[in-house]
Amino acid sequence: MAKTVTLSKAIEAHGKQVTELTFNEPTLAVLEDLELHFTDGGVKLKLGAVIGAIAAMADIPPSSAKQIPLSDLMAIAAELKDFLPPSLLTGGT
């Protein structure tokens, strides 16, 4: 199962201007690298880990993932949450 997100601004990836990213379902390795930290207010993530996860799931270099505007990051997060079980998103077991 893959999900495609249209970007509001093109980024350069693999020498081309890209306006859509297709994200593959994350592997356990990608989730492990995210270093999820659960708090009372939700989940905390390190930005570098998020960049690495986006790059891995969309098959783009990390330097390309760093070009994604913040507004598009929010749209990506909303789309990709379906990949994760609800208990993981809430910190449950």
C-alpha atoms as a PDB file:
ATOM      1  CA  MET A   1       0.000   0.000   0.000  1.00  0.00           C
ATOM      2  CA  ALA A   2       1.491   3.324  -1.091  1.00  0.00           C
ATOM      3  CA  LYS A   3       0.239   6.871  -0.593  1.00  0.00           C
ATOM      4  CA  THR A   4       0.894   9.838  -2.876  1.00  0.00           C
ATOM      5  CA  VAL A   5       1.104  13.426  -1.633  1.00  0.00           C
ATOM      6  CA  THR A   6       1.096  16.462  -3.911  1.00  0.00           C
ATOM      7  CA  LEU A   7       3.550  19.120  -2.786  1.00  0.00           C
ATOM      8  CA  SER A   8       2.690  22.821  -2.820  1.00  0.00           C
ATOM      9  CA  LYS A   9       6.166  23.605  -4.139  1.00  0.00           C
ATOM     10  CA  ALA A  10       8.433  21.437  -6.295  1.00  0.00           C
ATOM     11  CA  ILE A  11      11.589  19.971  -4.779  1.00  0.00           C
ATOM     12  CA  GLU A  12      14.624  18.577  -6.561  1.00  0.00           C
ATOM     13  CA  ALA A  13      15.126  14.821  -6.247  1.00  0.00           C
ATOM     14  CA  HIS A  14      17.373  12.640  -8.366  1.00  0.00           C
ATOM     15  CA  GLY A  15      18.126  15.634 -10.609  1.00  0.00           C
ATOM     16  CA  LYS A  16      14.459  16.313 -11.426  1.00  0.00           C
ATOM     17  CA  GLN A  17      11.816  18.736 -10.190  1.00  0.00           C
ATOM     18  CA  VAL A  18       9.234  16.727  -8.257  1.00  0.00           C
ATOM     19  CA  THR A  19       5.744  17.866  -7.248  1.00  0.00           C
ATOM     20  CA  GLU A  20       4.425  14.524  -5.975  1.00  0.00           C
ATOM     21  CA  LEU A  21       5.938  12.044  -3.570  1.00  0.00           C
ATOM     22  CA  THR A  22       4.799   8.449  -3.298  1.00  0.00           C
ATOM     23  CA  PHE A  23       5.345   6.967   0.144  1.00  0.00           C
ATOM     24  CA  ASN A  24       5.711   3.248   0.711  1.00  0.00           C
ATOM     25  CA  GLU A  25       4.574   1.635   3.931  1.00  0.00           C
ATOM     26  CA  PRO A  26       7.359   2.060   6.503  1.00  0.00           C
ATOM     27  CA  THR A  27       9.483  -0.879   7.515  1.00  0.00           C
ATOM     28  CA  LEU A  28      10.246  -1.616  11.152  1.00  0.00           C
ATOM     29  CA  ALA A  29      13.730  -0.203  10.552  1.00  0.00           C
ATOM     30  CA  VAL A  30      12.234   3.153   9.524  1.00  0.00           C
ATOM     31  CA  LEU A  31      10.021   3.207  12.615  1.00  0.00           C
ATOM     32  CA  GLU A  32      12.956   2.283  14.828  1.00  0.00           C
ATOM     33  CA  ASP A  33      14.997   5.155  13.384  1.00  0.00           C
ATOM     34  CA  LEU A  34      12.168   7.594  14.209  1.00  0.00           C
ATOM     35  CA  GLU A  35      12.896   7.154  17.923  1.00  0.00           C
ATOM     36  CA  LEU A  36       9.290   7.787  18.969  1.00  0.00           C
ATOM     37  CA  HIS A  37       9.012   9.390  22.421  1.00  0.00           C
ATOM     38  CA  PHE A  38       5.552   9.324  23.978  1.00  0.00           C
ATOM     39  CA  THR A  39       4.454  12.151  26.270  1.00  0.00           C
ATOM     40  CA  ASP A  40       1.171  13.162  27.861  1.00  0.00           C
ATOM     41  CA  GLY A  41       0.677  15.568  24.950  1.00  0.00           C
ATOM     42  CA  GLY A  42       1.337  13.047  22.169  1.00  0.00           C
ATOM     43  CA  VAL A  43       4.417  11.857  20.357  1.00  0.00           C
ATOM     44  CA  LYS A  44       7.726  13.741  20.113  1.00  0.00           C
ATOM     45  CA  LEU A  45       9.973  13.204  17.103  1.00  0.00           C
ATOM     46  CA  LYS A  46      13.428  14.473  16.214  1.00  0.00           C
ATOM     47  CA  LEU A  47      13.376  16.440  12.974  1.00  0.00           C
ATOM     48  CA  GLY A  48      16.440  14.629  11.627  1.00  0.00           C
ATOM     49  CA  ALA A  49      14.703  11.306  12.149  1.00  0.00           C
ATOM     50  CA  VAL A  50      11.593  12.587  10.355  1.00  0.00           C
ATOM     51  CA  ILE A  51      13.711  13.714   7.400  1.00  0.00           C
ATOM     52  CA  GLY A  52      15.331  10.271   7.250  1.00  0.00           C
ATOM     53  CA  ALA A  53      11.957   8.514   7.411  1.00  0.00           C
ATOM     54  CA  ILE A  54      10.489  10.677   4.640  1.00  0.00           C
ATOM     55  CA  ALA A  55      13.547  10.057   2.481  1.00  0.00           C
ATOM     56  CA  ALA A  56      13.394   6.290   3.049  1.00  0.00           C
ATOM     57  CA  MET A  57       9.641   5.983   2.510  1.00  0.00           C
ATOM     58  CA  ALA A  58       9.588   8.210  -0.618  1.00  0.00           C
ATOM     59  CA  ASP A  59      12.878   6.882  -2.026  1.00  0.00           C
ATOM     60  CA  ILE A  60      14.448  10.335  -2.234  1.00  0.00           C
ATOM     61  CA  PRO A  61      17.749  11.624  -0.823  1.00  0.00           C
ATOM     62  CA  PRO A  62      17.626  13.279   2.632  1.00  0.00           C
ATOM     63  CA  SER A  63      18.800  16.512   0.959  1.00  0.00           C
ATOM     64  CA  SER A  64      15.592  16.462  -1.107  1.00  0.00           C
ATOM     65  CA  ALA A  65      13.421  15.768   1.941  1.00  0.00           C
ATOM     66  CA  LYS A  66      14.941  18.855   3.600  1.00  0.00           C
ATOM     67  CA  GLN A  67      13.449  21.007   0.806  1.00  0.00           C
ATOM     68  CA  ILE A  68       9.851  20.106   1.727  1.00  0.00           C
ATOM     69  CA  PRO A  69       7.932  23.134   3.048  1.00  0.00           C
ATOM     70  CA  LEU A  70       6.550  22.868   6.578  1.00  0.00           C
ATOM     71  CA  SER A  71       2.957  23.071   5.322  1.00  0.00           C
ATOM     72  CA  ASP A  72       3.610  20.038   3.122  1.00  0.00           C
ATOM     73  CA  LEU A  73       5.152  18.209   6.079  1.00  0.00           C
ATOM     74  CA  MET A  74       1.840  18.567   7.915  1.00  0.00           C
ATOM     75  CA  ALA A  75      -0.040  17.190   4.879  1.00  0.00           C
ATOM     76  CA  ILE A  76       2.422  14.288   4.643  1.00  0.00           C
ATOM     77  CA  ALA A  77       1.998  13.502   8.338  1.00  0.00           C
ATOM     78  CA  ALA A  78      -1.794  13.505   8.007  1.00  0.00           C
ATOM     79  CA  GLU A  79      -1.622  11.114   5.069  1.00  0.00           C
ATOM     80  CA  LEU A  80       0.969   8.765   6.568  1.00  0.00           C
ATOM     81  CA  LYS A  81      -0.744   8.349   9.939  1.00  0.00           C
ATOM     82  CA  ASP A  82      -2.869   5.651   8.309  1.00  0.00           C
ATOM     83  CA  PHE A  83       0.255   3.499   8.086  1.00  0.00           C
ATOM     84  CA  LEU A  84       0.487   3.335  11.883  1.00  0.00           C
ATOM     85  CA  PRO A  85      -1.811   1.496  14.269  1.00  0.00           C
ATOM     86  CA  PRO A  86      -3.914   3.821  16.478  1.00  0.00           C
ATOM     87  CA  SER A  87      -2.317   2.429  19.654  1.00  0.00           C
ATOM     88  CA  LEU A  88       1.115   3.502  18.399  1.00  0.00           C
ATOM     89  CA  LEU A  89      -0.116   7.022  17.716  1.00  0.00           C
ATOM     90  CA  THR A  90      -1.572   7.371  21.215  1.00  0.00           C
ATOM     91  CA  GLY A  91       1.274   5.633  23.032  1.00  0.00           C
ATOM     92  CA  GLY A  92      -0.850   2.649  24.007  1.00  0.00           C
ATOM     93  CA  THR A  93       0.225  -0.952  23.888  1.00  0.00           C
END
